[in-house]
PDB file of N, CA and C in Angstrom:
ATOM      1  N   MET A   1       0.842  -1.199   0.000  1.00  0.00           N
ATOM      2  CA  MET A   1       0.000   0.000   0.000  1.00  0.00           C
ATOM      3  C   MET A   1       0.878   1.251   0.000  1.00  0.00           C
ATOM      4  N   THR A   2       0.423   2.260  -0.714  1.00  0.00           N
ATOM      5  CA  THR A   2       1.168   3.520  -0.739  1.00  0.00           C
ATOM      6  C   THR A   2       0.818   4.356   0.495  1.00  0.00           C
ATOM      7  N   HIS A   3       1.632   5.366   0.727  1.00  0.00           N
ATOM      8  CA  HIS A   3       1.383   6.297   1.838  1.00  0.00           C
ATOM      9  C   HIS A   3      -0.004   6.929   1.691  1.00  0.00           C
ATOM     10  N   ASP A   4      -0.340   7.341   0.477  1.00  0.00           N
ATOM     11  CA  ASP A   4      -1.636   8.000   0.236  1.00  0.00           C
ATOM     12  C   ASP A   4      -2.813   7.052   0.475  1.00  0.00           C
ATOM     13  N   GLU A   5      -2.655   5.786   0.088  1.00  0.00           N
ATOM     14  CA  GLU A   5      -3.713   4.803   0.319  1.00  0.00           C
ATOM     15  C   GLU A   5      -3.909   4.565   1.818  1.00  0.00           C
ATOM     16  N   ILE A   6      -2.808   4.472   2.538  1.00  0.00           N
ATOM     17  CA  ILE A   6      -2.895   4.287   3.992  1.00  0.00           C
ATOM     18  C   ILE A   6      -3.529   5.513   4.632  1.00  0.00           C
ATOM     19  N   PHE A   7      -3.096   6.710   4.227  1.00  0.00           N
ATOM     20  CA  PHE A   7      -3.677   7.941   4.765  1.00  0.00           C
ATOM     21  C   PHE A   7      -5.184   7.966   4.541  1.00  0.00           C
ATOM     22  N   SER A   8      -5.602   7.607   3.336  1.00  0.00           N
ATOM     23  CA  SER A   8      -7.023   7.637   2.998  1.00  0.00           C
ATOM     24  C   SER A   8      -7.839   6.704   3.899  1.00  0.00           C
ATOM     25  N   LYS A   9      -7.322   5.498   4.142  1.00  0.00           N
ATOM     26  CA  LYS A   9      -8.024   4.556   5.020  1.00  0.00           C
ATOM     27  C   LYS A   9      -8.025   5.041   6.472  1.00  0.00           C
ATOM     28  N   VAL A  10      -6.901   5.584   6.929  1.00  0.00           N
ATOM     29  CA  VAL A  10      -6.821   6.123   8.298  1.00  0.00           C
ATOM     30  C   VAL A  10      -7.812   7.276   8.428  1.00  0.00           C
ATOM     31  N   GLN A  11      -7.868   8.122   7.414  1.00  0.00           N
ATOM     32  CA  GLN A  11      -8.805   9.248   7.414  1.00  0.00           C
ATOM     33  C   GLN A  11     -10.239   8.742   7.560  1.00  0.00           C
ATOM     34  N   GLU A  12     -10.590   7.708   6.788  1.00  0.00           N
ATOM     35  CA  GLU A  12     -11.926   7.110   6.874  1.00  0.00           C
ATOM     36  C   GLU A  12     -12.230   6.613   8.284  1.00  0.00           C
ATOM     37  N   VAL A  13     -11.260   5.911   8.869  1.00  0.00           N
ATOM     38  CA  VAL A  13     -11.420   5.374  10.227  1.00  0.00           C
ATOM     39  C   VAL A  13     -11.685   6.499  11.214  1.00  0.00           C
ATOM     40  N   LEU A  14     -10.897   7.561  11.124  1.00  0.00           N
ATOM     41  CA  LEU A  14     -11.038   8.665  12.074  1.00  0.00           C
ATOM     42  C   LEU A  14     -12.331   9.448  11.866  1.00  0.00           C
ATOM     43  N   VAL A  15     -12.751   9.608  10.627  1.00  0.00           N
ATOM     44  CA  VAL A  15     -14.026  10.285  10.343  1.00  0.00           C
ATOM     45  C   VAL A  15     -15.168   9.501  10.982  1.00  0.00           C
ATOM     46  N   ASP A  16     -15.139   8.184  10.821  1.00  0.00           N
ATOM     47  CA  ASP A  16     -16.191   7.341  11.393  1.00  0.00           C
ATOM     48  C   ASP A  16     -16.122   7.290  12.923  1.00  0.00           C
ATOM     49  N   ALA A  17     -14.926   7.116  13.461  1.00  0.00           N
ATOM     50  CA  ALA A  17     -14.767   6.946  14.911  1.00  0.00           C
ATOM     51  C   ALA A  17     -15.039   8.229  15.689  1.00  0.00           C
ATOM     52  N   LEU A  18     -14.663   9.362  15.104  1.00  0.00           N
ATOM     53  CA  LEU A  18     -14.742  10.624  15.853  1.00  0.00           C
ATOM     54  C   LEU A  18     -15.827  11.570  15.350  1.00  0.00           C
ATOM     55  N   ALA A  19     -16.567  11.134  14.333  1.00  0.00           N
ATOM     56  CA  ALA A  19     -17.649  11.952  13.765  1.00  0.00           C
ATOM     57  C   ALA A  19     -17.155  13.351  13.395  1.00  0.00           C
ATOM     58  N   VAL A  20     -16.053  13.373  12.633  1.00  0.00           N
ATOM     59  CA  VAL A  20     -15.496  14.628  12.132  1.00  0.00           C
ATOM     60  C   VAL A  20     -15.579  14.607  10.606  1.00  0.00           C
ATOM     61  N   ASP A  21     -15.349  15.765   9.990  1.00  0.00           N
ATOM     62  CA  ASP A  21     -15.382  15.865   8.530  1.00  0.00           C
ATOM     63  C   ASP A  21     -14.027  15.472   7.946  1.00  0.00           C
ATOM     64  N   ASP A  22     -14.052  14.985   6.700  1.00  0.00           N
ATOM     65  CA  ASP A  22     -12.827  14.582   5.995  1.00  0.00           C
ATOM     66  C   ASP A  22     -11.749  15.660   6.042  1.00  0.00           C
ATOM     67  N   GLU A  23     -12.162  16.901   5.771  1.00  0.00           N
ATOM     68  CA  GLU A  23     -11.171  17.974   5.680  1.00  0.00           C
ATOM     69  C   GLU A  23     -10.517  18.314   7.030  1.00  0.00           C
ATOM     70  N   GLU A  24     -11.115  17.880   8.124  1.00  0.00           N
ATOM     71  CA  GLU A  24     -10.500  18.089   9.439  1.00  0.00           C
ATOM     72  C   GLU A  24      -9.347  17.115   9.682  1.00  0.00           C
ATOM     73  N   VAL A  25      -9.386  15.970   9.011  1.00  0.00           N
ATOM     74  CA  VAL A  25      -8.392  14.918   9.226  1.00  0.00           C
ATOM     75  C   VAL A  25      -7.215  15.139   8.285  1.00  0.00           C
ATOM     76  N   THR A  26      -6.321  16.049   8.700  1.00  0.00           N
ATOM     77  CA  THR A  26      -5.099  16.336   7.952  1.00  0.00           C
ATOM     78  C   THR A  26      -3.939  15.593   8.622  1.00  0.00           C
ATOM     79  N   SER A  27      -2.825  15.506   7.937  1.00  0.00           N
ATOM     80  CA  SER A  27      -1.653  14.815   8.489  1.00  0.00           C
ATOM     81  C   SER A  27      -1.232  15.395   9.832  1.00  0.00           C
ATOM     82  N   GLU A  28      -1.311  16.715   9.981  1.00  0.00           N
ATOM     83  CA  GLU A  28      -0.837  17.393  11.187  1.00  0.00           C
ATOM     84  C   GLU A  28      -1.861  17.427  12.321  1.00  0.00           C
ATOM     85  N   ALA A  29      -3.107  17.084  12.042  1.00  0.00           N
ATOM     86  CA  ALA A  29      -4.169  17.172  13.059  1.00  0.00           C
ATOM     87  C   ALA A  29      -3.872  16.236  14.229  1.00  0.00           C
ATOM     88  N   THR A  30      -3.990  16.779  15.455  1.00  0.00           N
ATOM     89  CA  THR A  30      -3.809  15.943  16.642  1.00  0.00           C
ATOM     90  C   THR A  30      -5.133  15.275  16.973  1.00  0.00           C
ATOM     91  N   LEU A  31      -5.047  14.055  17.471  1.00  0.00           N
ATOM     92  CA  LEU A  31      -6.279  13.305  17.746  1.00  0.00           C
ATOM     93  C   LEU A  31      -7.106  13.965  18.838  1.00  0.00           C
ATOM     94  N   THR A  32      -6.464  14.391  19.909  1.00  0.00           N
ATOM     95  CA  THR A  32      -7.232  14.970  21.013  1.00  0.00           C
ATOM     96  C   THR A  32      -7.511  16.452  20.806  1.00  0.00           C
ATOM     97  N   GLY A  33      -6.491  17.226  20.503  1.00  0.00           N
ATOM     98  CA  GLY A  33      -6.654  18.674  20.385  1.00  0.00           C
ATOM     99  C   GLY A  33      -7.493  19.100  19.198  1.00  0.00           C
ATOM    100  N   ASP A  34      -7.180  18.566  18.025  1.00  0.00           N
ATOM    101  CA  ASP A  34      -7.866  19.002  16.807  1.00  0.00           C
ATOM    102  C   ASP A  34      -9.123  18.195  16.482  1.00  0.00           C
ATOM    103  N   LEU A  35      -9.081  16.880  16.771  1.00  0.00           N
ATOM    104  CA  LEU A  35     -10.194  16.019  16.365  1.00  0.00           C
ATOM    105  C   LEU A  35     -11.110  15.626  17.524  1.00  0.00           C
ATOM    106  N   GLY A  36     -10.761  16.048  18.741  1.00  0.00           N
ATOM    107  CA  GLY A  36     -11.648  15.844  19.884  1.00  0.00           C
ATOM    108  C   GLY A  36     -11.706  14.440  20.446  1.00  0.00           C
ATOM    109  N   ALA A  37     -10.710  13.609  20.152  1.00  0.00           N
ATOM    110  CA  ALA A  37     -10.711  12.235  20.675  1.00  0.00           C
ATOM    111  C   ALA A  37     -10.529  12.246  22.190  1.00  0.00           C
ATOM    112  N   GLU A  38     -11.234  11.338  22.844  1.00  0.00           N
ATOM    113  CA  GLU A  38     -11.093  11.137  24.287  1.00  0.00           C
ATOM    114  C   GLU A  38     -10.492   9.755  24.495  1.00  0.00           C
ATOM    115  N   SER A  39     -10.087   9.452  25.715  1.00  0.00           N
ATOM    116  CA  SER A  39      -9.390   8.183  25.969  1.00  0.00           C
ATOM    117  C   SER A  39     -10.188   6.968  25.502  1.00  0.00           C
ATOM    118  N   ILE A  40     -11.492   6.983  25.672  1.00  0.00           N
ATOM    119  CA  ILE A  40     -12.322   5.851  25.245  1.00  0.00           C
ATOM    120  C   ILE A  40     -12.289   5.693  23.717  1.00  0.00           C
ATOM    121  N   ASP A  41     -12.108   6.796  23.002  1.00  0.00           N
ATOM    122  CA  ASP A  41     -12.059   6.747  21.542  1.00  0.00           C
ATOM    123  C   ASP A  41     -10.838   5.987  21.031  1.00  0.00           C
ATOM    124  N   PHE A  42      -9.759   6.002  21.800  1.00  0.00           N
ATOM    125  CA  PHE A  42      -8.537   5.345  21.351  1.00  0.00           C
ATOM    126  C   PHE A  42      -8.748   3.839  21.171  1.00  0.00           C
ATOM    127  N   LEU A  43      -9.540   3.227  22.041  1.00  0.00           N
ATOM    128  CA  LEU A  43      -9.850   1.801  21.890  1.00  0.00           C
ATOM    129  C   LEU A  43     -10.623   1.548  20.607  1.00  0.00           C
ATOM    130  N   ASP A  44     -11.599   2.388  20.344  1.00  0.00           N
ATOM    131  CA  ASP A  44     -12.406   2.264  19.134  1.00  0.00           C
ATOM    132  C   ASP A  44     -11.540   2.465  17.888  1.00  0.00           C
ATOM    133  N   ILE A  45     -10.653   3.444  17.932  1.00  0.00           N
ATOM    134  CA  ILE A  45      -9.772   3.713  16.793  1.00  0.00           C
ATOM    135  C   ILE A  45      -8.887   2.502  16.511  1.00  0.00           C
ATOM    136  N   VAL A  46      -8.308   1.917  17.552  1.00  0.00           N
ATOM    137  CA  VAL A  46      -7.456   0.740  17.378  1.00  0.00           C
ATOM    138  C   VAL A  46      -8.263  -0.406  16.756  1.00  0.00           C
ATOM    139  N   PHE A  47      -9.454  -0.651  17.285  1.00  0.00           N
ATOM    140  CA  PHE A  47     -10.319  -1.705  16.745  1.00  0.00           C
ATOM    141  C   PHE A  47     -10.608  -1.473  15.262  1.00  0.00           C
ATOM    142  N   ARG A  48     -10.952  -0.253  14.917  1.00  0.00           N
ATOM    143  CA  ARG A  48     -11.285   0.078  13.528  1.00  0.00           C
ATOM    144  C   ARG A  48     -10.063  -0.028  12.609  1.00  0.00           C
ATOM    145  N   LEU A  49      -8.891   0.353  13.117  1.00  0.00           N
ATOM    146  CA  LEU A  49      -7.663   0.230  12.322  1.00  0.00           C
ATOM    147  C   LEU A  49      -7.347  -1.241  12.054  1.00  0.00           C
ATOM    148  N   GLU A  50      -7.516  -2.067  13.087  1.00  0.00           N
ATOM    149  CA  GLU A  50      -7.273  -3.506  12.917  1.00  0.00           C
ATOM    150  C   GLU A  50      -8.169  -4.071  11.816  1.00  0.00           C
ATOM    151  N   LYS A  51      -9.432  -3.696  11.869  1.00  0.00           N
ATOM    152  CA  LYS A  51     -10.405  -4.192  10.899  1.00  0.00           C
ATOM    153  C   LYS A  51     -10.111  -3.656   9.493  1.00  0.00           C
ATOM    154  N   ALA A  52      -9.818  -2.363   9.388  1.00  0.00           N
ATOM    155  CA  ALA A  52      -9.593  -1.733   8.083  1.00  0.00           C
ATOM    156  C   ALA A  52      -8.347  -2.272   7.384  1.00  0.00           C
ATOM    157  N   PHE A  53      -7.317  -2.587   8.167  1.00  0.00           N
ATOM    158  CA  PHE A  53      -6.050  -3.003   7.566  1.00  0.00           C
ATOM    159  C   PHE A  53      -5.763  -4.497   7.719  1.00  0.00           C
ATOM    160  N   GLY A  54      -6.647  -5.216   8.425  1.00  0.00           N
ATOM    161  CA  GLY A  54      -6.438  -6.643   8.607  1.00  0.00           C
ATOM    162  C   GLY A  54      -5.187  -6.961   9.410  1.00  0.00           C
ATOM    163  N   ILE A  55      -4.938  -6.170  10.454  1.00  0.00           N
ATOM    164  CA  ILE A  55      -3.747  -6.343  11.295  1.00  0.00           C
ATOM    165  C   ILE A  55      -4.150  -6.503  12.745  1.00  0.00           C
ATOM    166  N   LYS A  56      -3.215  -6.924  13.574  1.00  0.00           N
ATOM    167  CA  LYS A  56      -3.409  -7.011  15.021  1.00  0.00           C
ATOM    168  C   LYS A  56      -2.537  -5.948  15.668  1.00  0.00           C
ATOM    169  N   ILE A  57      -3.135  -5.132  16.528  1.00  0.00           N
ATOM    170  CA  ILE A  57      -2.402  -4.099  17.255  1.00  0.00           C
ATOM    171  C   ILE A  57      -2.488  -4.446  18.731  1.00  0.00           C
ATOM    172  N   ASP A  58      -1.358  -4.772  19.332  1.00  0.00           N
ATOM    173  CA  ASP A  58      -1.331  -5.127  20.743  1.00  0.00           C
ATOM    174  C   ASP A  58      -1.618  -3.910  21.620  1.00  0.00           C
ATOM    175  N   GLN A  59      -2.168  -4.169  22.807  1.00  0.00           N
ATOM    176  CA  GLN A  59      -2.495  -3.088  23.740  1.00  0.00           C
ATOM    177  C   GLN A  59      -1.232  -2.282  24.047  1.00  0.00           C
ATOM    178  N   GLY A  60      -1.328  -0.980  23.931  1.00  0.00           N
ATOM    179  CA  GLY A  60      -0.210  -0.096  24.227  1.00  0.00           C
ATOM    180  C   GLY A  60       0.809   0.025  23.115  1.00  0.00           C
ATOM    181  N   GLU A  61       0.580  -0.680  22.020  1.00  0.00           N
ATOM    182  CA  GLU A  61       1.558  -0.649  20.924  1.00  0.00           C
ATOM    183  C   GLU A  61       1.551   0.681  20.179  1.00  0.00           C
ATOM    184  N   ILE A  62       0.383   1.199  19.911  1.00  0.00           N
ATOM    185  CA  ILE A  62       0.295   2.463  19.170  1.00  0.00           C
ATOM    186  C   ILE A  62       0.214   3.662  20.117  1.00  0.00           C
ATOM    187  N   PHE A  63      -0.447   3.489  21.255  1.00  0.00           N
ATOM    188  CA  PHE A  63      -0.612   4.552  22.255  1.00  0.00           C
ATOM    189  C   PHE A  63      -0.072   4.051  23.599  1.00  0.00           C
ATOM    190  N   PRO A  64       1.242   4.089  23.831  1.00  0.00           N
ATOM    191  CA  PRO A  64       1.820   3.495  25.049  1.00  0.00           C
ATOM    192  C   PRO A  64       1.688   4.380  26.290  1.00  0.00           C
ATOM    193  N   SER A  65       0.479   4.583  26.757  1.00  0.00           N
ATOM    194  CA  SER A  65       0.245   5.469  27.908  1.00  0.00           C
ATOM    195  C   SER A  65       0.820   4.904  29.204  1.00  0.00           C
ATOM    196  N   ASN A  66       1.003   3.578  29.280  1.00  0.00           N
ATOM    197  CA  ASN A  66       1.494   2.991  30.525  1.00  0.00           C
ATOM    198  C   ASN A  66       2.899   3.470  30.891  1.00  0.00           C
ATOM    199  N   VAL A  67       3.623   4.008  29.937  1.00  0.00           N
ATOM    200  CA  VAL A  67       4.942   4.585  30.237  1.00  0.00           C
ATOM    201  C   VAL A  67       4.777   5.746  31.213  1.00  0.00           C
ATOM    202  N   LEU A  68       3.722   6.512  31.029  1.00  0.00           N
ATOM    203  CA  LEU A  68       3.504   7.700  31.860  1.00  0.00           C
ATOM    204  C   LEU A  68       3.037   7.366  33.265  1.00  0.00           C
ATOM    205  N   GLU A  69       2.713   6.111  33.508  1.00  0.00           N
ATOM    206  CA  GLU A  69       2.262   5.687  34.836  1.00  0.00           C
ATOM    207  C   GLU A  69       3.393   5.051  35.643  1.00  0.00           C
ATOM    208  N   ASN A  70       4.580   4.971  35.068  1.00  0.00           N
ATOM    209  CA  ASN A  70       5.728   4.334  35.702  1.00  0.00           C
ATOM    210  C   ASN A  70       6.585   5.396  36.390  1.00  0.00           C
ATOM    211  N   GLU A  71       6.824   5.218  37.694  1.00  0.00           N
ATOM    212  CA  GLU A  71       7.599   6.204  38.469  1.00  0.00           C
ATOM    213  C   GLU A  71       9.023   6.377  37.952  1.00  0.00           C
ATOM    214  N   GLU A  72       9.559   5.348  37.316  1.00  0.00           N
ATOM    215  CA  GLU A  72      10.911   5.437  36.754  1.00  0.00           C
ATOM    216  C   GLU A  72      10.953   6.395  35.563  1.00  0.00           C
ATOM    217  N   TYR A  73       9.814   6.530  34.888  1.00  0.00           N
ATOM    218  CA  TYR A  73       9.759   7.312  33.659  1.00  0.00           C
ATOM    219  C   TYR A  73       9.176   8.716  33.829  1.00  0.00           C
ATOM    220  N   VAL A  74       8.543   8.978  34.956  1.00  0.00           N
ATOM    221  CA  VAL A  74       7.931  10.294  35.172  1.00  0.00           C
ATOM    222  C   VAL A  74       8.243  10.784  36.586  1.00  0.00           C
ATOM    223  N   LYS A  75       8.737  12.000  36.669  1.00  0.00           N
ATOM    224  CA  LYS A  75       8.999  12.652  37.962  1.00  0.00           C
ATOM    225  C   LYS A  75       8.451  14.073  37.900  1.00  0.00           C
ATOM    226  N   ASP A  76       7.641  14.429  38.883  1.00  0.00           N
ATOM    227  CA  ASP A  76       7.084  15.781  38.985  1.00  0.00           C
ATOM    228  C   ASP A  76       6.404  16.252  37.698  1.00  0.00           C
ATOM    229  N   GLY A  77       5.652  15.342  37.076  1.00  0.00           N
ATOM    230  CA  GLY A  77       4.891  15.711  35.885  1.00  0.00           C
ATOM    231  C   GLY A  77       5.700  15.812  34.606  1.00  0.00           C
ATOM    232  N   LYS A  78       6.972  15.430  34.667  1.00  0.00           N
ATOM    233  CA  LYS A  78       7.849  15.489  33.491  1.00  0.00           C
ATOM    234  C   LYS A  78       8.403  14.098  33.197  1.00  0.00           C
ATOM    235  N   VAL A  79       8.550  13.790  31.921  1.00  0.00           N
ATOM    236  CA  VAL A  79       9.127  12.519  31.510  1.00  0.00           C
ATOM    237  C   VAL A  79      10.640  12.581  31.705  1.00  0.00           C
ATOM    238  N   THR A  80      11.186  11.558  32.346  1.00  0.00           N
ATOM    239  CA  THR A  80      12.622  11.491  32.622  1.00  0.00           C
ATOM    240  C   THR A  80      13.392  11.071  31.358  1.00  0.00           C
ATOM    241  N   ASP A  81      14.725  11.102  31.449  1.00  0.00           N
ATOM    242  CA  ASP A  81      15.562  10.628  30.335  1.00  0.00           C
ATOM    243  C   ASP A  81      15.232   9.171  30.010  1.00  0.00           C
ATOM    244  N   ALA A  82      15.088   8.356  31.046  1.00  0.00           N
ATOM    245  CA  ALA A  82      14.746   6.941  30.851  1.00  0.00           C
ATOM    246  C   ALA A  82      13.373   6.816  30.185  1.00  0.00           C
ATOM    247  N   GLY A  83      12.444   7.681  30.572  1.00  0.00           N
ATOM    248  CA  GLY A  83      11.118   7.677  29.976  1.00  0.00           C
ATOM    249  C   GLY A  83      11.154   8.052  28.505  1.00  0.00           C
ATOM    250  N   MET A  84      11.970   9.039  28.154  1.00  0.00           N
ATOM    251  CA  MET A  84      12.095   9.435  26.751  1.00  0.00           C
ATOM    252  C   MET A  84      12.696   8.303  25.930  1.00  0.00           C
ATOM    253  N   GLU A  85      13.689   7.643  26.478  1.00  0.00           N
ATOM    254  CA  GLU A  85      14.298   6.516  25.767  1.00  0.00           C
ATOM    255  C   GLU A  85      13.268   5.413  25.525  1.00  0.00           C
ATOM    256  N   GLU A  86      12.440   5.141  26.538  1.00  0.00           N
ATOM    257  CA  GLU A  86      11.405   4.122  26.413  1.00  0.00           C
ATOM    258  C   GLU A  86      10.371   4.519  25.352  1.00  0.00           C
ATOM    259  N   LEU A  87       9.967   5.784  25.365  1.00  0.00           N
ATOM    260  CA  LEU A  87       9.002   6.261  24.367  1.00  0.00           C
ATOM    261  C   LEU A  87       9.580   6.163  22.959  1.00  0.00           C
ATOM    262  N   LYS A  88      10.842   6.547  22.801  1.00  0.00           N
ATOM    263  CA  LYS A  88      11.477   6.471  21.479  1.00  0.00           C
ATOM    264  C   LYS A  88      11.560   5.026  20.998  1.00  0.00           C
ATOM    265  N   LYS A  89      11.823   4.113  21.924  1.00  0.00           N
ATOM    266  CA  LYS A  89      11.903   2.701  21.573  1.00  0.00           C
ATOM    267  C   LYS A  89      10.533   2.156  21.156  1.00  0.00           C
ATOM    268  N   ARG A  90       9.512   2.532  21.911  1.00  0.00           N
ATOM    269  CA  ARG A  90       8.163   2.015  21.640  1.00  0.00           C
ATOM    270  C   ARG A  90       7.436   2.739  20.522  1.00  0.00           C
ATOM    271  N   MET A  91       7.885   3.951  20.208  1.00  0.00           N
ATOM    272  CA  MET A  91       7.161   4.775  19.236  1.00  0.00           C
ATOM    273  C   MET A  91       8.066   5.283  18.116  1.00  0.00           C
ATOM    274  N   PRO A  92       8.700   4.385  17.383  1.00  0.00           N
ATOM    275  CA  PRO A  92       9.563   4.859  16.296  1.00  0.00           C
ATOM    276  C   PRO A  92       8.777   5.594  15.208  1.00  0.00           C
ATOM    277  N   HIS A  93       7.470   5.405  15.203  1.00  0.00           N
ATOM    278  CA  HIS A  93       6.576   6.027  14.227  1.00  0.00           C
ATOM    279  C   HIS A  93       6.198   7.461  14.596  1.00  0.00           C
ATOM    280  N   ALA A  94       6.576   7.907  15.793  1.00  0.00           N
ATOM    281  CA  ALA A  94       6.159   9.238  16.265  1.00  0.00           C
ATOM    282  C   ALA A  94       7.312  10.227  16.251  1.00  0.00           C
ATOM    283  N   ASP A  95       6.997  11.472  15.938  1.00  0.00           N
ATOM    284  CA  ASP A  95       7.973  12.553  16.029  1.00  0.00           C
ATOM    285  C   ASP A  95       7.898  13.097  17.456  1.00  0.00           C
ATOM    286  N   LEU A  96       8.899  12.758  18.243  1.00  0.00           N
ATOM    287  CA  LEU A  96       8.906  13.149  19.655  1.00  0.00           C
ATOM    288  C   LEU A  96       9.740  14.404  19.920  1.00  0.00           C
ATOM    289  N   SER A  97      10.240  15.044  18.884  1.00  0.00           N
ATOM    290  CA  SER A  97      11.158  16.173  19.070  1.00  0.00           C
ATOM    291  C   SER A  97      10.535  17.334  19.851  1.00  0.00           C
ATOM    292  N   GLU A  98       9.334  17.748  19.498  1.00  0.00           N
ATOM    293  CA  GLU A  98       8.693  18.850  20.231  1.00  0.00           C
ATOM    294  C   GLU A  98       8.386  18.448  21.670  1.00  0.00           C
ATOM    295  N   PHE A  99       7.881  17.235  21.847  1.00  0.00           N
ATOM    296  CA  PHE A  99       7.562  16.759  23.193  1.00  0.00           C
ATOM    297  C   PHE A  99       8.828  16.671  24.036  1.00  0.00           C
ATOM    298  N   ASP A 100       9.927  16.260  23.439  1.00  0.00           N
ATOM    299  CA  ASP A 100      11.199  16.115  24.154  1.00  0.00           C
ATOM    300  C   ASP A 100      11.649  17.453  24.735  1.00  0.00           C
ATOM    301  N   ALA A 101      11.296  18.545  24.078  1.00  0.00           N
ATOM    302  CA  ALA A 101      11.691  19.868  24.562  1.00  0.00           C
ATOM    303  C   ALA A 101      11.030  20.216  25.897  1.00  0.00           C
ATOM    304  N   SER A 102       9.759  19.848  26.070  1.00  0.00           N
ATOM    305  CA  SER A 102       9.056  20.189  27.311  1.00  0.00           C
ATOM    306  C   SER A 102       8.941  19.005  28.257  1.00  0.00           C
ATOM    307  N   ARG A 103       8.699  17.826  27.675  1.00  0.00           N
ATOM    308  CA  ARG A 103       8.514  16.575  28.418  1.00  0.00           C
ATOM    309  C   ARG A 103       7.356  16.630  29.410  1.00  0.00           C
ATOM    310  N   ASP A 104       6.487  17.598  29.268  1.00  0.00           N
ATOM    311  CA  ASP A 104       5.349  17.773  30.163  1.00  0.00           C
ATOM    312  C   ASP A 104       4.307  16.693  29.856  1.00  0.00           C
ATOM    313  N   VAL A 105       3.981  15.888  30.868  1.00  0.00           N
ATOM    314  CA  VAL A 105       3.028  14.780  30.702  1.00  0.00           C
ATOM    315  C   VAL A 105       1.693  15.287  30.159  1.00  0.00           C
ATOM    316  N   GLU A 106       1.291  16.476  30.549  1.00  0.00           N
ATOM    317  CA  GLU A 106       0.020  17.047  30.094  1.00  0.00           C
ATOM    318  C   GLU A 106      -0.005  17.265  28.580  1.00  0.00           C
ATOM    319  N   GLU A 107       1.157  17.382  27.965  1.00  0.00           N
ATOM    320  CA  GLU A 107       1.241  17.636  26.531  1.00  0.00           C
ATOM    321  C   GLU A 107       1.456  16.362  25.713  1.00  0.00           C
ATOM    322  N   PHE A 108       1.525  15.217  26.388  1.00  0.00           N
ATOM    323  CA  PHE A 108       1.842  13.958  25.704  1.00  0.00           C
ATOM    324  C   PHE A 108       0.864  13.632  24.581  1.00  0.00           C
ATOM    325  N   SER A 109      -0.405  13.867  24.804  1.00  0.00           N
ATOM    326  CA  SER A 109      -1.401  13.499  23.785  1.00  0.00           C
ATOM    327  C   SER A 109      -1.210  14.277  22.484  1.00  0.00           C
ATOM    328  N   ASN A 110      -0.508  15.413  22.535  1.00  0.00           N
ATOM    329  CA  ASN A 110      -0.285  16.210  21.328  1.00  0.00           C
ATOM    330  C   ASN A 110       0.606  15.509  20.304  1.00  0.00           C
ATOM    331  N   ILE A 111       1.338  14.474  20.721  1.00  0.00           N
ATOM    332  CA  ILE A 111       2.198  13.785  19.759  1.00  0.00           C
ATOM    333  C   ILE A 111       1.404  12.849  18.855  1.00  0.00           C
ATOM    334  N   PHE A 112       0.165  12.555  19.232  1.00  0.00           N
ATOM    335  CA  PHE A 112      -0.644  11.638  18.436  1.00  0.00           C
ATOM    336  C   PHE A 112      -1.365  12.394  17.330  1.00  0.00           C
ATOM    337  N   THR A 113      -0.683  12.479  16.204  1.00  0.00           N
ATOM    338  CA  THR A 113      -1.253  13.131  15.027  1.00  0.00           C
ATOM    339  C   THR A 113      -1.736  12.054  14.058  1.00  0.00           C
ATOM    340  N   VAL A 114      -2.454  12.483  13.049  1.00  0.00           N
ATOM    341  CA  VAL A 114      -2.890  11.559  12.007  1.00  0.00           C
ATOM    342  C   VAL A 114      -1.660  10.938  11.346  1.00  0.00           C
ATOM    343  N   ASP A 115      -0.636  11.745  11.128  1.00  0.00           N
ATOM    344  CA  ASP A 115       0.590  11.243  10.503  1.00  0.00           C
ATOM    345  C   ASP A 115       1.265  10.175  11.367  1.00  0.00           C
ATOM    346  N   THR A 116       1.195  10.307  12.683  1.00  0.00           N
ATOM    347  CA  THR A 116       1.755   9.294  13.582  1.00  0.00           C
ATOM    348  C   THR A 116       1.074   7.953  13.339  1.00  0.00           C
ATOM    349  N   ILE A 117      -0.242   7.976  13.186  1.00  0.00           N
ATOM    350  CA  ILE A 117      -0.981   6.738  12.937  1.00  0.00           C
ATOM    351  C   ILE A 117      -0.634   6.169  11.563  1.00  0.00           C
ATOM    352  N   VAL A 118      -0.548   7.037  10.568  1.00  0.00           N
ATOM    353  CA  VAL A 118      -0.209   6.586   9.213  1.00  0.00           C
ATOM    354  C   VAL A 118       1.169   5.905   9.225  1.00  0.00           C
ATOM    355  N   LYS A 119       2.137   6.518   9.881  1.00  0.00           N
ATOM    356  CA  LYS A 119       3.484   5.925   9.952  1.00  0.00           C
ATOM    357  C   LYS A 119       3.467   4.599  10.712  1.00  0.00           C
ATOM    358  N   PHE A 120       2.676   4.530  11.766  1.00  0.00           N
ATOM    359  CA  PHE A 120       2.554   3.274  12.510  1.00  0.00           C
ATOM    360  C   PHE A 120       2.008   2.166  11.596  1.00  0.00           C
ATOM    361  N   ILE A 121       0.934   2.484  10.868  1.00  0.00           N
ATOM    362  CA  ILE A 121       0.317   1.496   9.981  1.00  0.00           C
ATOM    363  C   ILE A 121       1.310   1.100   8.878  1.00  0.00           C
ATOM    364  N   GLU A 122       2.031   2.062   8.328  1.00  0.00           N
ATOM    365  CA  GLU A 122       3.034   1.743   7.306  1.00  0.00           C
ATOM    366  C   GLU A 122       4.023   0.707   7.821  1.00  0.00           C
ATOM    367  N   GLY A 123       4.451   0.871   9.063  1.00  0.00           N
ATOM    368  CA  GLY A 123       5.376  -0.081   9.666  1.00  0.00           C
ATOM    369  C   GLY A 123       4.753  -1.456   9.862  1.00  0.00           C
ATOM    370  N   LYS A 124       3.476  -1.484  10.204  1.00  0.00           N
ATOM    371  CA  LYS A 124       2.781  -2.760  10.442  1.00  0.00           C
ATOM    372  C   LYS A 124       2.522  -3.538   9.146  1.00  0.00           C
ATOM    373  N   VAL A 125       2.179  -2.836   8.078  1.00  0.00           N
ATOM    374  CA  VAL A 125       1.806  -3.535   6.852  1.00  0.00           C
ATOM    375  C   VAL A 125       3.002  -3.810   5.936  1.00  0.00           C
ATOM    376  N   SER A 126       4.155  -3.244   6.245  1.00  0.00           N
ATOM    377  CA  SER A 126       5.315  -3.476   5.368  1.00  0.00           C
ATOM    378  C   SER A 126       6.047  -4.752   5.745  1.00  0.00           C
TER     379      SER A 126
END
């Protein structure tokens, strides 16, 4: 599958899961900030992605929130060096550069863009 074909299917999934318009689902759109996704929506999105692409996505594979619940990885609301290393290892599909600058746990959801999902799917189907 090409990048554009994957983007188109991801766009369809997000339009259906989040009840947003096609034009809102751009590569740069964040799932929570721009598209209004809530934590419960992430489960639905994963389910729909599995179905649309015929793949299996393990819990925490695409959205590894459990890293933020580990005391070794988070101190005083900030992700530690060890936490950043763990995120980079688990999320090679995500651009963590902006998040790395602040490391503020409250801003973590901003790294989940449509492009992050497209890159994740590209890795799974290749």
